[in-house]
Structures are given as structure tokens and as C-alpha cells.
């Protein structure tokens, strides 16, 4: 009797969590497995790039951003 395949039936959220532990080279290999994995890897990379950009932005000028927001609340 054939065993059911587990990995293809995993939800996207679970696969994204697993992929988050892989380095860039392994992610590039994983995205070649199938279109679904390619879509998930690209989504993960976009999210990581977005998080890095936001983090970099707030590191560069956090006081300016916060002071403008605070002034708009007061006035």
C-alpha cells in the first residue's frame, strides 16, 4: 500500500515557516521544486526585503518620523 504524501498537503503557512529557516542558496533550490514553492519563496523574499527596507528607514531617522507624528497629534 502506498503511503500518502505529506509535504504537498502542508498549508502555505507551514511551508513559509519552514522556508524561513533556509539560507538564500537553499531557497533558490527550493523554488525550483514546483510552481507553488516558487510562489512561496518569492513571497518570503519580498517580505524579508520589505522588512529590511522598513528597518533601514526607521534606523536612519526615527526621531524625525516620531516628532512629525507627535506634532500632528498635538495641533
Protein backbone atom coordinates (compact mmCIF):
# COMPACT_ATOMS: atom_id res chain seq x y z
CA UNK A 1 0.00 0.00 0.00
CA UNK A 2 1.27 3.43 -0.91
CA UNK A 3 1.83 6.00 1.84
CA UNK A 4 0.12 9.38 1.45
CA UNK A 5 2.37 12.30 0.62
CA UNK A 6 2.61 14.75 3.49
CA UNK A 7 4.67 17.66 2.17
CA UNK A 8 2.42 18.57 -0.80
CA UNK A 9 -0.52 18.73 1.60
CA UNK A 10 1.10 21.12 4.07
CA UNK A 11 -0.56 24.55 4.29
CA UNK A 12 1.31 27.53 2.85
CA UNK A 13 1.79 28.99 6.33
CA UNK A 14 3.67 25.88 7.45
CA UNK A 15 5.84 25.82 4.34
CA UNK A 16 6.65 29.53 4.75
CA UNK A 17 7.70 28.88 8.34
CA UNK A 18 9.97 26.04 7.22
CA UNK A 19 11.39 28.14 4.38
CA UNK A 20 12.19 30.96 6.82
CA UNK A 21 14.97 28.78 8.28
CA UNK A 22 16.68 28.22 4.92
CA UNK A 23 19.57 30.30 3.63
CA UNK A 24 19.47 32.02 0.25
CA UNK A 25 21.10 29.15 -1.68
CA UNK A 26 18.66 26.58 -0.33
CA UNK A 27 15.72 28.89 -1.04
CA UNK A 28 16.87 29.16 -4.66
CA UNK A 29 16.93 25.37 -4.89
CA UNK A 30 13.57 25.03 -3.14
CA UNK A 31 11.87 27.39 -5.57
CA UNK A 32 12.80 25.05 -8.43
CA UNK A 33 10.77 22.17 -6.98
CA UNK A 34 7.39 23.35 -8.24
CA UNK A 35 5.41 26.49 -9.03
CA UNK A 36 3.75 26.54 -5.61
CA UNK A 37 7.10 26.54 -3.84
CA UNK A 38 8.42 29.16 -6.25
CA UNK A 39 5.48 31.43 -5.40
CA UNK A 40 6.02 30.91 -1.67
CA UNK A 41 9.77 31.54 -1.84
CA UNK A 42 9.25 34.74 -3.84
CA UNK A 43 6.64 35.92 -1.32
CA UNK A 44 9.03 35.17 1.54
CA UNK A 45 11.89 37.05 -0.13
CA UNK A 46 9.67 40.05 -0.85
CA UNK A 47 8.52 40.13 2.77
CA UNK A 48 12.11 39.95 4.03
CA UNK A 49 13.21 42.72 1.66
CA UNK A 50 10.27 44.88 2.78
CA UNK A 51 11.11 44.29 6.46
CA UNK A 52 14.75 45.20 5.84
CA UNK A 53 13.75 48.38 3.99
CA UNK A 54 11.40 49.45 6.78
CA UNK A 55 14.01 48.66 9.41
CA UNK A 56 16.67 50.61 7.49
CA UNK A 57 14.30 53.58 7.08
CA UNK A 58 13.50 53.78 10.78
CA UNK A 59 17.16 53.37 11.75
CA UNK A 60 18.10 56.33 9.57
CA UNK A 61 15.68 58.87 11.03
CA UNK A 62 13.45 57.62 13.87
CA UNK A 63 13.33 60.94 15.70
CA UNK A 64 12.13 62.85 12.63
CA UNK A 65 9.33 60.38 11.97
CA UNK A 66 8.17 60.33 15.58
CA UNK A 67 8.36 64.09 16.08
CA UNK A 68 6.24 64.77 12.97
CA UNK A 69 3.61 62.28 14.11
CA UNK A 70 3.61 63.72 17.61
CA UNK A 71 3.21 67.29 16.33
CA UNK A 72 0.21 66.33 14.21
CA UNK A 73 -1.49 64.87 17.29
CA UNK A 74 -0.96 68.00 19.40
CA UNK A 75 -2.05 70.58 16.82
